[in-house]
Amino acid sequence: MCSTCGCGNADGPMISVPRQHQHEHGDEHGHGHGHGHGPGQHTHDDVHPGKTAIRSDPQESEETIVLEQKVLAKNDLLADHNRTHMAQHGIVAINLMSSPGAGKTTLLERTVRSTNHRVAVIEGDQETLLDADRIAATGARVVQVNTGAGCHLDAAMLQRALSQLSAEDNTLLLIENVGNLVCPALFDLGEQMKVVIISVTEGDDKPLKYPHIFAAADLVVVNKTDLLPYVDFDMAVCERNARSVNPDVRILALSARTGEGLDTWLSELDRVMPVVA
């Protein structure tokens, strides 16, 4: 549940596996979590910031801020737990964040079919298995996390999804976050790289409108370049805007639909996870 926007689902996220992947994985890959707690035990039951509201009373406002800080601190501890677990198994996680319709799922489909890595995918959406079904059709192992009213994934959701996914060692884990350019920026999942995807149809001023997520990004992917002749989008302006909030961010342009520029994206993945011979 989100301490910044007040979203939440009292029943927690729903984690599902597409039909063709509903089989027993057991512990054959050595991915038992063995950390003295089950993946479902990390909940937000002790803190419910989604039930707080903005108050005119300064004392209550201070209490709300404290609740938000507690949620983020707890999330960071779980993220460190995820990071350690994945490092022990050679799993490299990439957190893909964007607004709805930027082309994350299409890029994932292209990536699964083009990369030399073993790939697993975690799909985050408020509802449906539509995107997970698309990924399952590529042959990749995939788990869907439905957040209900929630607008982002968090470290606890990733922990539960990892348990359900049972990814093999030395796997590239691609996490498609919920379509939103606000809250995902605040929640560390334990990933090795944060990627923000925008499309040329969204405007070259996006980094200025949503500076926090661009400031958190390691890489910005500008998608749908095949539409550049038909939209008012200046790549140089977009790059300048992105670097005004994050001077060190890497930027690349591609078309997930046509495959133009895909090699540069695949090289970025190879950079964070060298191909095992």
Protein backbone atom coordinates (compact mmCIF):
# COMPACT_ATOMS: atom_id res chain seq x y z
CA MET A 1 0.00 0.00 0.00
CA CYS A 2 1.20 3.41 -0.90
CA SER A 3 2.18 5.96 1.73
CA THR A 4 2.37 8.79 -0.77
CA CYS A 5 -0.89 8.64 -2.70
CA GLY A 6 -3.16 6.71 -0.31
CA CYS A 7 -3.85 3.83 -2.69
CA GLY A 8 -4.17 0.36 -1.30
CA ASN A 9 -5.85 -3.02 -1.42
CA ALA A 10 -6.88 -4.32 1.97
CA ASP A 11 -6.66 -7.90 0.72
CA GLY A 12 -3.14 -7.47 -0.64
CA PRO A 13 -1.90 -8.17 -4.18
CA MET A 14 -3.01 -11.21 -6.14
CA ILE A 15 -0.11 -13.23 -7.54
CA SER A 16 -0.90 -15.56 -10.41
CA VAL A 17 0.91 -17.83 -12.82
CA PRO A 18 -0.36 -18.19 -16.41
CA ARG A 19 -1.98 -21.55 -17.04
CA GLN A 20 0.92 -23.18 -18.86
CA HIS A 21 3.24 -22.45 -15.94
CA GLN A 22 1.04 -23.91 -13.22
CA HIS A 23 3.32 -26.81 -12.38
CA GLU A 24 5.35 -27.81 -9.37
CA HIS A 25 8.81 -26.30 -9.27
CA GLY A 26 9.68 -27.56 -5.81
CA ASP A 27 13.16 -26.61 -4.67
CA GLU A 28 14.94 -28.20 -7.60
CA HIS A 29 16.65 -24.92 -8.45
CA GLY A 30 17.78 -24.27 -4.91
CA HIS A 31 15.55 -21.24 -4.52
CA GLY A 32 14.00 -22.01 -1.18
CA HIS A 33 14.06 -18.77 0.71
CA GLY A 34 15.28 -20.38 3.91
CA HIS A 35 15.45 -17.06 5.72
CA GLY A 36 13.40 -18.04 8.75
CA HIS A 37 10.15 -16.64 7.37
CA GLY A 38 7.69 -17.42 4.62
CA PRO A 39 7.23 -15.11 1.66
CA GLY A 40 3.72 -14.28 2.78
CA GLN A 41 4.74 -13.14 6.24
CA HIS A 42 5.98 -9.75 5.15
CA THR A 43 2.88 -7.61 5.07
CA HIS A 44 2.01 -4.04 5.83
CA ASP A 45 -0.39 -5.07 8.63
CA ASP A 46 1.49 -3.01 11.20
CA VAL A 47 1.27 0.23 9.21
CA HIS A 48 -1.71 1.45 7.18
CA PRO A 49 -0.78 4.79 5.66
CA GLY A 50 -3.40 4.33 2.96
CA LYS A 51 -6.02 4.99 5.62
CA THR A 52 -4.50 8.31 6.64
CA ALA A 53 -5.51 11.62 5.15
CA ILE A 54 -4.11 15.12 4.87
CA ARG A 55 -5.03 16.96 8.04
CA SER A 56 -5.14 20.60 8.98
CA ASP A 57 -3.90 19.62 12.45
CA PRO A 58 -0.07 19.91 12.37
CA GLN A 59 0.30 17.05 14.85
CA GLU A 60 -1.70 14.67 12.67
CA SER A 61 0.28 15.76 9.61
CA GLU A 62 3.47 14.90 11.46
CA GLU A 63 2.04 11.49 12.35
CA THR A 64 1.25 10.85 8.69
CA ILE A 65 4.81 11.67 7.69
CA VAL A 66 6.13 9.29 10.36
CA LEU A 67 3.90 6.52 9.01
CA GLU A 68 5.18 7.14 5.50
CA GLN A 69 8.77 6.99 6.73
CA LYS A 70 8.08 3.70 8.51
CA VAL A 71 6.61 2.13 5.38
CA LEU A 72 9.53 3.23 3.21
CA ALA A 73 12.06 2.08 5.82
CA LYS A 74 10.40 -1.34 6.05
CA ASN A 75 10.29 -1.58 2.28
CA ASP A 76 14.02 -0.79 2.07
CA LEU A 77 14.83 -3.59 4.51
CA LEU A 78 12.85 -6.07 2.43
CA ALA A 79 14.49 -4.74 -0.74
CA ASP A 80 17.93 -5.42 0.76
CA HIS A 81 16.72 -8.93 1.61
CA ASN A 82 15.60 -9.44 -2.00
CA ARG A 83 18.88 -8.05 -3.32
CA THR A 84 20.93 -10.42 -1.18
CA HIS A 85 18.81 -13.43 -2.11
CA MET A 86 19.01 -12.71 -5.83
CA ALA A 87 22.76 -12.07 -5.69
CA GLN A 88 23.24 -15.46 -4.03
CA HIS A 89 21.51 -17.10 -7.00
CA GLY A 90 22.95 -15.01 -9.81
CA ILE A 91 19.60 -13.37 -10.55
CA VAL A 92 19.89 -9.88 -12.01
CA ALA A 93 16.65 -7.86 -11.71
CA ILE A 94 15.72 -4.94 -13.95
CA ASN A 95 12.81 -2.72 -12.85
CA LEU A 96 10.95 -1.34 -15.89
CA MET A 97 8.84 1.72 -15.11
CA SER A 98 6.69 3.83 -17.42
CA SER A 99 3.32 5.44 -17.90
CA PRO A 100 0.58 3.19 -19.37
CA GLY A 101 0.99 2.55 -23.08
CA ALA A 102 4.70 3.35 -23.37
CA GLY A 103 5.40 -0.13 -24.77
CA LYS A 104 6.89 -2.03 -21.83
CA THR A 105 5.23 -5.34 -22.63
CA THR A 106 6.09 -5.16 -26.33
CA LEU A 107 9.71 -4.45 -25.43
CA LEU A 108 9.69 -7.41 -23.05
CA GLU A 109 8.35 -9.71 -25.76
CA ARG A 110 11.09 -8.57 -28.14
CA THR A 111 13.72 -8.95 -25.43
CA VAL A 112 12.75 -12.49 -24.46
CA ARG A 113 12.86 -13.58 -28.09
CA SER A 114 16.15 -11.79 -28.87
CA THR A 115 18.43 -12.10 -25.86
CA ASN A 116 20.90 -14.89 -25.14
CA HIS A 117 20.04 -14.79 -21.44
CA ARG A 118 17.72 -17.08 -19.57
CA VAL A 119 14.81 -14.71 -18.81
CA ALA A 120 12.01 -14.69 -16.27
CA VAL A 121 9.39 -11.97 -15.96
CA ILE A 122 7.26 -10.50 -13.20
CA GLU A 123 4.28 -8.55 -14.51
CA GLY A 124 2.71 -5.83 -12.38
CA ASP A 125 -0.78 -4.56 -13.19
CA GLN A 126 -3.82 -3.50 -11.24
CA GLU A 127 -5.97 -6.19 -12.87
CA THR A 128 -6.01 -9.00 -15.48
CA LEU A 129 -3.51 -11.58 -16.73
CA LEU A 130 -3.34 -10.05 -20.20
CA ASP A 131 0.32 -9.01 -20.14
CA ALA A 132 1.44 -12.21 -18.39
CA ASP A 133 -0.32 -14.25 -21.06
CA ARG A 134 1.58 -12.34 -23.75
CA ILE A 135 4.89 -13.07 -22.03
CA ALA A 136 3.98 -16.72 -21.43
CA ALA A 137 3.47 -17.09 -25.19
CA THR A 138 7.19 -16.35 -25.66
CA GLY A 139 8.10 -19.34 -23.51
CA ALA A 140 9.50 -17.31 -20.61
CA ARG A 141 8.65 -18.16 -17.03
CA VAL A 142 6.28 -15.43 -15.79
CA VAL A 143 4.25 -14.48 -12.72
CA GLN A 144 1.53 -11.83 -12.66
CA VAL A 145 1.12 -9.54 -9.65
CA ASN A 146 -2.23 -7.75 -9.55
CA THR A 147 -2.11 -4.83 -7.14
CA GLY A 148 -5.82 -3.97 -7.12
CA ALA A 149 -6.04 -0.27 -6.26
CA GLY A 150 -2.28 -0.11 -5.70
CA CYS A 151 -0.27 1.94 -8.16
CA HIS A 152 3.16 0.30 -7.85
CA LEU A 153 5.04 -2.83 -6.88
CA ASP A 154 6.94 -2.92 -3.60
CA ALA A 155 9.63 -5.14 -2.11
CA ALA A 156 7.17 -7.40 -0.29
CA MET A 157 5.24 -8.06 -3.51
CA LEU A 158 8.49 -8.90 -5.29
CA GLN A 159 9.50 -11.27 -2.50
CA ARG A 160 6.23 -13.20 -2.80
CA ALA A 161 6.45 -13.21 -6.59
CA LEU A 162 10.01 -14.55 -6.45
CA SER A 163 8.83 -17.42 -4.27
CA GLN A 164 6.07 -18.23 -6.78
CA LEU A 165 8.33 -17.78 -9.80
CA SER A 166 11.08 -20.18 -8.64
CA ALA A 167 13.48 -18.69 -11.17
CA GLU A 168 16.58 -20.69 -12.03
CA ASP A 169 20.04 -19.51 -11.02
CA ASN A 170 21.76 -17.06 -13.39
CA THR A 171 18.49 -15.66 -14.69
CA LEU A 172 17.78 -12.18 -16.01
CA LEU A 173 14.64 -11.07 -14.17
CA LEU A 174 12.63 -8.38 -15.95
CA ILE A 175 10.05 -6.67 -13.73
CA GLU A 176 7.29 -4.73 -15.45
CA ASN A 177 6.07 -2.28 -12.82
CA VAL A 178 2.54 -0.88 -12.76
CA GLY A 179 2.04 1.86 -15.35
CA ASN A 180 2.72 5.00 -13.31
CA LEU A 181 5.48 7.62 -13.27
CA VAL A 182 5.05 8.68 -9.64
CA CYS A 183 5.07 6.08 -6.85
CA PRO A 184 7.32 3.40 -8.43
CA ALA A 185 10.20 5.88 -8.11
CA LEU A 186 10.02 5.71 -4.31
CA PHE A 187 9.93 1.95 -3.76
CA ASP A 188 13.17 0.00 -4.01
CA LEU A 189 12.48 -3.61 -4.99
CA GLY A 190 16.02 -4.90 -4.66
CA GLU A 191 16.68 -4.51 -8.38
CA GLN A 192 20.08 -4.00 -9.98
CA MET A 193 18.90 -1.40 -12.50
CA LYS A 194 15.99 1.00 -12.79
CA VAL A 195 14.80 1.71 -16.33
CA VAL A 196 12.29 4.39 -17.28
CA ILE A 197 10.57 3.88 -20.63
CA ILE A 198 8.83 6.73 -22.39
CA SER A 199 7.42 6.88 -25.89
CA VAL A 200 7.74 9.64 -28.44
CA THR A 201 3.96 10.09 -28.30
CA GLU A 202 4.21 11.35 -24.71
CA GLY A 203 6.21 14.52 -25.33
CA ASP A 204 9.85 15.48 -24.82
CA ASP A 205 9.02 17.38 -21.61
CA LYS A 206 8.19 14.21 -19.65
CA PRO A 207 11.40 14.32 -17.55
CA LEU A 208 10.50 17.82 -16.36
CA LYS A 209 6.96 16.81 -15.42
CA TYR A 210 8.03 13.68 -13.54
CA PRO A 211 11.53 14.52 -12.29
CA HIS A 212 11.67 12.07 -9.38
CA ILE A 213 11.41 8.92 -11.46
CA PHE A 214 13.94 10.22 -14.01
CA ALA A 215 16.29 11.17 -11.18
CA ALA A 216 16.07 7.58 -9.88
CA ALA A 217 16.66 5.98 -13.30
CA ASP A 218 19.89 4.32 -14.39
CA LEU A 219 18.67 4.20 -17.98
CA VAL A 220 16.01 5.98 -20.02
CA VAL A 221 14.59 4.17 -23.04
CA VAL A 222 12.77 6.30 -25.60
CA ASN A 223 10.41 3.93 -27.40
CA LYS A 224 8.26 4.09 -30.56
CA THR A 225 10.87 5.91 -32.64
CA ASP A 226 9.09 4.58 -35.73
CA LEU A 227 6.47 7.26 -35.00
CA LEU A 228 8.92 10.19 -34.92
CA PRO A 229 7.89 11.46 -38.38
CA TYR A 230 4.32 11.83 -37.18
CA VAL A 231 4.68 13.44 -33.73
CA ASP A 232 6.11 16.62 -32.27
CA PHE A 233 9.01 15.14 -30.34
CA ASP A 234 12.59 16.39 -30.27
CA MET A 235 15.06 13.72 -29.14
CA ALA A 236 17.76 16.27 -28.28
CA VAL A 237 15.32 18.24 -26.12
CA CYS A 238 14.22 15.07 -24.33
CA GLU A 239 17.82 14.11 -23.60
CA ARG A 240 18.59 17.60 -22.35
CA ASN A 241 15.54 17.55 -20.08
CA ALA A 242 16.41 14.11 -18.71
CA ARG A 243 19.97 15.11 -17.93
CA SER A 244 18.82 18.32 -16.27
CA VAL A 245 17.37 16.12 -13.48
CA ASN A 246 19.86 13.26 -13.76
CA PRO A 247 23.19 14.27 -15.34
CA ASP A 248 24.57 10.71 -15.35
CA VAL A 249 21.58 8.90 -16.80
CA ARG A 250 22.13 6.79 -19.91
CA ILE A 251 19.64 7.30 -22.75
CA LEU A 252 18.86 5.16 -25.77
CA ALA A 253 16.19 5.24 -28.45
CA LEU A 254 14.48 2.27 -30.08
CA SER A 255 11.32 0.92 -31.60
CA ALA A 256 10.06 -2.21 -29.86
CA ARG A 257 7.64 -2.69 -32.76
CA THR A 258 10.19 -2.68 -35.60
CA GLY A 259 13.28 -3.74 -33.65
CA GLU A 260 15.26 -0.64 -34.63
CA GLY A 261 17.80 0.13 -31.90
CA LEU A 262 17.12 -3.13 -30.06
CA ASP A 263 20.79 -4.16 -30.17
CA THR A 264 21.72 -1.19 -28.01
CA TRP A 265 19.13 -2.24 -25.44
CA LEU A 266 20.37 -5.83 -25.46
CA SER A 267 23.92 -4.54 -24.95
CA GLU A 268 22.74 -2.67 -21.86
CA LEU A 269 21.37 -5.93 -20.47
CA ASP A 270 24.65 -7.68 -21.25
CA ARG A 271 26.48 -4.92 -19.39
CA VAL A 272 24.66 -5.64 -16.11
CA MET A 273 24.52 -9.40 -16.68
CA PRO A 274 27.29 -10.83 -18.87
CA VAL A 275 26.22 -13.83 -20.92
CA VAL A 276 27.32 -17.07 -19.27
CA ALA A 277 29.22 -19.24 -21.76
